[in-house]
Amino acid sequence: MTTPSTQDSLEDPLGPRAELSQSISSLDALIQALLSELPPTKPWQRQLLLHLSQAERDVQILRMTIAMHRSNDDICEAARRVHQTLRAAHACIATGRADAGTKASVNIAMLTSRKISKALPGSDANT
């Protein structure tokens, strides 16, 4: 008979690191989907595309920071920038004329970036 902690470690041998990697990949996929599907015809769409393009760059920086084994402070700062950019994107469309699907997708992206920030050791829990 296995204990719950043993069972958990058998299911996910990398633990939180694998979950963090999956969250970053999911966030990147969501940003890519929004960038490819959102037409730049209306002012709010163009503004959102600017925020999403910045978020795409920020995610790439986060990945590179992790891959280069930078300090926890550097990684937390990169994750904070991703979250800050997506919070700005969310604020940009929260009260605007964006359709419900776009609003929901940006909200999910923002919440995922928050989850990434909170999952990092030494991160500020108030982001």
N, C-alpha and C. Protein backbone atom coordinates (compact mmCIF):
# COMPACT_ATOMS: atom_id res chain seq x y z
N MET A 1 0.85 -1.18 0.00
CA MET A 1 0.00 0.00 0.00
C MET A 1 0.89 1.24 0.00
N THR A 2 0.55 2.21 -0.83
CA THR A 2 1.36 3.42 -0.93
C THR A 2 0.70 4.55 -0.17
N THR A 3 1.52 5.40 0.36
CA THR A 3 0.99 6.59 1.02
C THR A 3 0.65 7.62 -0.03
N PRO A 4 -0.20 8.61 0.30
CA PRO A 4 -0.55 9.64 -0.68
C PRO A 4 0.66 10.37 -1.23
N SER A 5 1.65 10.67 -0.39
CA SER A 5 2.82 11.40 -0.88
C SER A 5 3.63 10.53 -1.84
N THR A 6 3.72 9.23 -1.57
CA THR A 6 4.43 8.33 -2.47
C THR A 6 3.68 8.23 -3.79
N GLN A 7 2.38 8.12 -3.73
CA GLN A 7 1.57 8.04 -4.94
C GLN A 7 1.73 9.30 -5.79
N ASP A 8 1.72 10.46 -5.16
CA ASP A 8 1.89 11.71 -5.88
C ASP A 8 3.25 11.76 -6.57
N SER A 9 4.28 11.32 -5.87
CA SER A 9 5.62 11.38 -6.46
C SER A 9 5.76 10.39 -7.61
N LEU A 10 5.01 9.29 -7.58
CA LEU A 10 5.05 8.35 -8.69
C LEU A 10 4.35 8.91 -9.93
N GLU A 11 3.30 9.67 -9.73
CA GLU A 11 2.57 10.24 -10.85
C GLU A 11 3.32 11.38 -11.50
N ASP A 12 4.03 12.18 -10.74
CA ASP A 12 4.73 13.34 -11.27
C ASP A 12 6.13 13.39 -10.67
N PRO A 13 7.09 12.67 -11.30
CA PRO A 13 8.42 12.57 -10.70
C PRO A 13 9.16 13.91 -10.61
N LEU A 14 8.81 14.88 -11.44
CA LEU A 14 9.48 16.17 -11.38
C LEU A 14 8.77 17.14 -10.44
N GLY A 15 7.60 16.78 -9.98
CA GLY A 15 6.88 17.60 -9.02
C GLY A 15 6.46 18.95 -9.58
N PRO A 16 6.62 20.00 -8.77
CA PRO A 16 6.18 21.34 -9.17
C PRO A 16 6.87 21.87 -10.43
N ARG A 17 8.09 21.42 -10.68
CA ARG A 17 8.81 21.88 -11.86
C ARG A 17 8.10 21.49 -13.15
N ALA A 18 7.57 20.28 -13.21
CA ALA A 18 6.84 19.83 -14.40
C ALA A 18 5.54 20.61 -14.55
N GLU A 19 4.88 20.88 -13.44
CA GLU A 19 3.63 21.65 -13.48
C GLU A 19 3.91 23.08 -13.95
N LEU A 20 5.01 23.65 -13.49
CA LEU A 20 5.40 25.00 -13.91
C LEU A 20 5.68 25.02 -15.40
N SER A 21 6.41 24.04 -15.88
CA SER A 21 6.72 23.94 -17.31
C SER A 21 5.44 23.81 -18.13
N GLN A 22 4.52 23.00 -17.67
CA GLN A 22 3.24 22.82 -18.37
C GLN A 22 2.45 24.12 -18.38
N SER A 23 2.44 24.85 -17.28
CA SER A 23 1.73 26.12 -17.21
C SER A 23 2.32 27.14 -18.18
N ILE A 24 3.63 27.19 -18.26
CA ILE A 24 4.28 28.12 -19.19
C ILE A 24 3.95 27.74 -20.63
N SER A 25 3.97 26.45 -20.94
CA SER A 25 3.63 26.00 -22.29
C SER A 25 2.18 26.31 -22.64
N SER A 26 1.29 26.10 -21.68
CA SER A 26 -0.13 26.39 -21.91
C SER A 26 -0.35 27.89 -22.13
N LEU A 27 0.33 28.70 -21.33
CA LEU A 27 0.22 30.15 -21.47
C LEU A 27 0.73 30.58 -22.84
N ASP A 28 1.86 30.05 -23.24
CA ASP A 28 2.43 30.39 -24.55
C ASP A 28 1.47 29.99 -25.67
N ALA A 29 0.89 28.81 -25.58
CA ALA A 29 -0.06 28.35 -26.61
C ALA A 29 -1.28 29.25 -26.68
N LEU A 30 -1.77 29.67 -25.53
CA LEU A 30 -2.94 30.55 -25.50
C LEU A 30 -2.62 31.91 -26.11
N ILE A 31 -1.47 32.46 -25.78
CA ILE A 31 -1.06 33.75 -26.35
C ILE A 31 -0.91 33.62 -27.87
N GLN A 32 -0.28 32.52 -28.32
CA GLN A 32 -0.11 32.31 -29.76
C GLN A 32 -1.46 32.21 -30.47
N ALA A 33 -2.40 31.51 -29.86
CA ALA A 33 -3.73 31.37 -30.45
C ALA A 33 -4.42 32.73 -30.56
N LEU A 34 -4.34 33.52 -29.52
CA LEU A 34 -4.95 34.86 -29.56
C LEU A 34 -4.29 35.74 -30.62
N LEU A 35 -2.97 35.67 -30.70
CA LEU A 35 -2.26 36.48 -31.69
C LEU A 35 -2.63 36.08 -33.12
N SER A 36 -2.82 34.80 -33.35
CA SER A 36 -3.11 34.35 -34.71
C SER A 36 -4.57 34.55 -35.11
N GLU A 37 -5.47 34.58 -34.15
CA GLU A 37 -6.89 34.65 -34.47
C GLU A 37 -7.50 36.05 -34.36
N LEU A 38 -6.84 36.95 -33.68
CA LEU A 38 -7.42 38.27 -33.45
C LEU A 38 -7.10 39.20 -34.62
N PRO A 39 -8.13 39.67 -35.32
CA PRO A 39 -7.87 40.59 -36.44
C PRO A 39 -7.58 42.00 -35.92
N PRO A 40 -6.68 42.73 -36.58
CA PRO A 40 -6.33 44.08 -36.11
C PRO A 40 -7.22 45.16 -36.74
N THR A 41 -8.52 44.95 -36.76
CA THR A 41 -9.41 45.88 -37.45
C THR A 41 -9.93 47.01 -36.56
N LYS A 42 -10.08 46.76 -35.29
CA LYS A 42 -10.64 47.77 -34.38
C LYS A 42 -9.55 48.26 -33.42
N PRO A 43 -9.71 49.47 -32.91
CA PRO A 43 -8.68 50.00 -32.00
C PRO A 43 -8.40 49.11 -30.79
N TRP A 44 -9.44 48.54 -30.17
CA TRP A 44 -9.21 47.69 -29.00
C TRP A 44 -8.46 46.43 -29.40
N GLN A 45 -8.68 45.93 -30.62
CA GLN A 45 -7.97 44.74 -31.08
C GLN A 45 -6.48 45.04 -31.30
N ARG A 46 -6.21 46.20 -31.88
CA ARG A 46 -4.81 46.58 -32.10
C ARG A 46 -4.09 46.77 -30.77
N GLN A 47 -4.77 47.40 -29.81
CA GLN A 47 -4.17 47.59 -28.48
C GLN A 47 -3.91 46.25 -27.80
N LEU A 48 -4.88 45.35 -27.89
CA LEU A 48 -4.72 44.02 -27.29
C LEU A 48 -3.58 43.26 -27.97
N LEU A 49 -3.48 43.37 -29.28
CA LEU A 49 -2.39 42.71 -30.00
C LEU A 49 -1.02 43.22 -29.56
N LEU A 50 -0.92 44.52 -29.26
CA LEU A 50 0.33 45.07 -28.74
C LEU A 50 0.70 44.43 -27.40
N HIS A 51 -0.30 44.33 -26.52
CA HIS A 51 -0.06 43.71 -25.21
C HIS A 51 0.31 42.24 -25.36
N LEU A 52 -0.39 41.54 -26.25
CA LEU A 52 -0.11 40.12 -26.44
C LEU A 52 1.26 39.88 -27.06
N SER A 53 1.67 40.76 -27.97
CA SER A 53 3.01 40.65 -28.55
C SER A 53 4.07 40.84 -27.48
N GLN A 54 3.83 41.79 -26.58
CA GLN A 54 4.77 41.99 -25.47
C GLN A 54 4.76 40.78 -24.54
N ALA A 55 3.59 40.22 -24.28
CA ALA A 55 3.50 39.03 -23.42
C ALA A 55 4.24 37.86 -24.06
N GLU A 56 4.14 37.73 -25.38
CA GLU A 56 4.86 36.67 -26.09
C GLU A 56 6.38 36.82 -25.87
N ARG A 57 6.88 38.04 -25.99
CA ARG A 57 8.30 38.29 -25.74
C ARG A 57 8.66 38.01 -24.28
N ASP A 58 7.78 38.42 -23.37
CA ASP A 58 8.04 38.20 -21.94
C ASP A 58 8.09 36.71 -21.59
N VAL A 59 7.23 35.92 -22.22
CA VAL A 59 7.24 34.47 -21.98
C VAL A 59 8.55 33.88 -22.51
N GLN A 60 8.98 34.35 -23.66
CA GLN A 60 10.26 33.87 -24.20
C GLN A 60 11.42 34.21 -23.26
N ILE A 61 11.40 35.41 -22.71
CA ILE A 61 12.44 35.81 -21.74
C ILE A 61 12.37 34.93 -20.50
N LEU A 62 11.16 34.64 -20.02
CA LEU A 62 10.99 33.76 -18.86
C LEU A 62 11.59 32.39 -19.15
N ARG A 63 11.28 31.84 -20.30
CA ARG A 63 11.82 30.52 -20.65
C ARG A 63 13.35 30.55 -20.73
N MET A 64 13.89 31.58 -21.34
CA MET A 64 15.35 31.69 -21.45
C MET A 64 15.99 31.86 -20.08
N THR A 65 15.35 32.62 -19.22
CA THR A 65 15.86 32.84 -17.87
C THR A 65 15.92 31.53 -17.10
N ILE A 66 14.89 30.72 -17.24
CA ILE A 66 14.87 29.41 -16.58
C ILE A 66 15.91 28.49 -17.20
N ALA A 67 15.99 28.46 -18.54
CA ALA A 67 16.93 27.57 -19.23
C ALA A 67 18.39 27.91 -18.92
N MET A 68 18.64 29.19 -18.68
CA MET A 68 20.02 29.62 -18.39
C MET A 68 20.37 29.47 -16.91
N HIS A 69 19.44 28.90 -16.14
CA HIS A 69 19.64 28.67 -14.70
C HIS A 69 20.01 29.96 -13.97
N ARG A 70 19.28 31.02 -14.30
CA ARG A 70 19.51 32.30 -13.63
C ARG A 70 19.01 32.20 -12.19
N SER A 71 19.25 33.23 -11.41
CA SER A 71 18.85 33.22 -10.00
C SER A 71 17.33 33.24 -9.87
N ASN A 72 16.86 32.82 -8.71
CA ASN A 72 15.41 32.85 -8.46
C ASN A 72 14.84 34.25 -8.59
N ASP A 73 15.62 35.26 -8.19
CA ASP A 73 15.17 36.64 -8.31
C ASP A 73 14.94 37.02 -9.77
N ASP A 74 15.86 36.62 -10.65
CA ASP A 74 15.71 36.92 -12.08
C ASP A 74 14.50 36.20 -12.67
N ILE A 75 14.32 34.95 -12.28
CA ILE A 75 13.18 34.18 -12.79
C ILE A 75 11.87 34.78 -12.30
N CYS A 76 11.83 35.14 -11.02
CA CYS A 76 10.62 35.76 -10.46
C CYS A 76 10.32 37.09 -11.14
N GLU A 77 11.35 37.85 -11.44
CA GLU A 77 11.16 39.13 -12.13
C GLU A 77 10.62 38.92 -13.54
N ALA A 78 11.13 37.92 -14.23
CA ALA A 78 10.63 37.62 -15.58
C ALA A 78 9.17 37.18 -15.53
N ALA A 79 8.83 36.36 -14.55
CA ALA A 79 7.43 35.92 -14.40
C ALA A 79 6.54 37.08 -14.02
N ARG A 80 7.05 37.99 -13.19
CA ARG A 80 6.28 39.17 -12.81
C ARG A 80 5.98 40.04 -14.02
N ARG A 81 6.96 40.16 -14.92
CA ARG A 81 6.74 40.97 -16.13
C ARG A 81 5.67 40.36 -17.02
N VAL A 82 5.67 39.03 -17.14
CA VAL A 82 4.63 38.36 -17.93
C VAL A 82 3.26 38.68 -17.33
N HIS A 83 3.15 38.51 -16.03
CA HIS A 83 1.87 38.76 -15.36
C HIS A 83 1.45 40.23 -15.48
N GLN A 84 2.39 41.13 -15.33
CA GLN A 84 2.08 42.56 -15.43
C GLN A 84 1.56 42.90 -16.84
N THR A 85 2.19 42.36 -17.85
CA THR A 85 1.75 42.61 -19.23
C THR A 85 0.35 42.06 -19.47
N LEU A 86 0.09 40.87 -18.96
CA LEU A 86 -1.24 40.28 -19.17
C LEU A 86 -2.31 40.97 -18.32
N ARG A 87 -1.93 41.50 -17.17
CA ARG A 87 -2.88 42.31 -16.40
C ARG A 87 -3.26 43.56 -17.18
N ALA A 88 -2.28 44.18 -17.84
CA ALA A 88 -2.56 45.36 -18.67
C ALA A 88 -3.47 44.98 -19.84
N ALA A 89 -3.23 43.83 -20.45
CA ALA A 89 -4.09 43.37 -21.56
C ALA A 89 -5.51 43.14 -21.06
N HIS A 90 -5.62 42.54 -19.88
CA HIS A 90 -6.94 42.29 -19.30
C HIS A 90 -7.67 43.60 -19.00
N ALA A 91 -6.95 44.55 -18.43
CA ALA A 91 -7.56 45.85 -18.12
C ALA A 91 -7.99 46.57 -19.39
N CYS A 92 -7.23 46.38 -20.45
CA CYS A 92 -7.51 47.02 -21.73
C CYS A 92 -8.86 46.60 -22.30
N ILE A 93 -9.23 45.34 -22.11
CA ILE A 93 -10.47 44.85 -22.73
C ILE A 93 -11.59 44.56 -21.73
N ALA A 94 -11.31 44.70 -20.46
CA ALA A 94 -12.29 44.31 -19.43
C ALA A 94 -13.63 45.04 -19.57
N THR A 95 -13.58 46.31 -19.87
CA THR A 95 -14.83 47.07 -19.98
C THR A 95 -15.13 47.48 -21.41
N GLY A 96 -14.33 47.00 -22.34
CA GLY A 96 -14.50 47.38 -23.74
C GLY A 96 -15.51 46.52 -24.47
N ARG A 97 -15.40 46.56 -25.78
CA ARG A 97 -16.35 45.86 -26.64
C ARG A 97 -15.87 44.50 -27.10
N ALA A 98 -14.87 43.98 -26.48
CA ALA A 98 -14.36 42.66 -26.87
C ALA A 98 -15.42 41.60 -26.64
N ASP A 99 -15.41 40.60 -27.51
CA ASP A 99 -16.38 39.51 -27.36
C ASP A 99 -16.04 38.68 -26.13
N ALA A 100 -17.02 37.91 -25.70
CA ALA A 100 -16.87 37.14 -24.46
C ALA A 100 -15.74 36.12 -24.55
N GLY A 101 -15.55 35.51 -25.70
CA GLY A 101 -14.48 34.52 -25.87
C GLY A 101 -13.10 35.14 -25.71
N THR A 102 -12.92 36.32 -26.29
CA THR A 102 -11.64 37.01 -26.17
C THR A 102 -11.40 37.42 -24.72
N LYS A 103 -12.43 37.97 -24.08
CA LYS A 103 -12.29 38.36 -22.67
C LYS A 103 -11.94 37.16 -21.80
N ALA A 104 -12.62 36.04 -22.05
CA ALA A 104 -12.36 34.84 -21.25
C ALA A 104 -10.94 34.32 -21.49
N SER A 105 -10.50 34.33 -22.74
CA SER A 105 -9.15 33.85 -23.06
C SER A 105 -8.08 34.70 -22.41
N VAL A 106 -8.24 36.02 -22.46
CA VAL A 106 -7.27 36.91 -21.83
C VAL A 106 -7.30 36.73 -20.31
N ASN A 107 -8.48 36.53 -19.76
CA ASN A 107 -8.59 36.29 -18.32
C ASN A 107 -7.88 35.00 -17.92
N ILE A 108 -8.06 33.95 -18.71
CA ILE A 108 -7.37 32.69 -18.42
C ILE A 108 -5.87 32.87 -18.51
N ALA A 109 -5.40 33.61 -19.52
CA ALA A 109 -3.97 33.87 -19.66
C ALA A 109 -3.44 34.63 -18.44
N MET A 110 -4.19 35.63 -18.00
CA MET A 110 -3.76 36.40 -16.84
C MET A 110 -3.71 35.52 -15.58
N LEU A 111 -4.72 34.69 -15.38
CA LEU A 111 -4.74 33.81 -14.21
C LEU A 111 -3.63 32.77 -14.27
N THR A 112 -3.33 32.29 -15.46
CA THR A 112 -2.23 31.33 -15.62
C THR A 112 -0.89 31.98 -15.29
N SER A 113 -0.71 33.22 -15.74
CA SER A 113 0.54 33.92 -15.43
C SER A 113 0.66 34.17 -13.93
N ARG A 114 -0.46 34.41 -13.28
CA ARG A 114 -0.45 34.60 -11.83
C ARG A 114 -0.07 33.29 -11.13
N LYS A 115 -0.60 32.19 -11.64
CA LYS A 115 -0.28 30.88 -11.09
C LYS A 115 1.22 30.59 -11.24
N ILE A 116 1.79 30.94 -12.39
CA ILE A 116 3.21 30.74 -12.62
C ILE A 116 4.02 31.57 -11.63
N SER A 117 3.64 32.82 -11.47
CA SER A 117 4.36 33.70 -10.54
C SER A 117 4.33 33.17 -9.12
N LYS A 118 3.17 32.71 -8.70
CA LYS A 118 3.03 32.21 -7.33
C LYS A 118 3.73 30.88 -7.11
N ALA A 119 3.93 30.10 -8.18
CA ALA A 119 4.56 28.79 -8.05
C ALA A 119 6.07 28.86 -7.90
N LEU A 120 6.64 30.01 -8.22
CA LEU A 120 8.09 30.15 -8.15
C LEU A 120 8.55 30.38 -6.72
N PRO A 121 9.63 29.72 -6.34
CA PRO A 121 10.15 29.96 -4.98
C PRO A 121 10.67 31.39 -4.85
N GLY A 122 10.29 32.03 -3.77
CA GLY A 122 10.75 33.39 -3.53
C GLY A 122 9.92 34.44 -4.23
N SER A 123 8.80 34.04 -4.84
CA SER A 123 7.98 35.04 -5.54
C SER A 123 7.14 35.80 -4.55
N ASP A 124 6.73 36.99 -4.98
CA ASP A 124 5.86 37.83 -4.17
C ASP A 124 4.44 37.33 -4.33
N ALA A 125 3.81 36.92 -3.27
CA ALA A 125 2.46 36.33 -3.34
C ALA A 125 1.40 37.38 -3.68
N ASN A 126 1.74 38.66 -3.69
CA ASN A 126 0.75 39.70 -3.95
C ASN A 126 0.67 40.13 -5.40
N THR A 127 1.31 39.43 -6.33
CA THR A 127 1.26 39.81 -7.74
C THR A 127 -0.06 39.46 -8.35
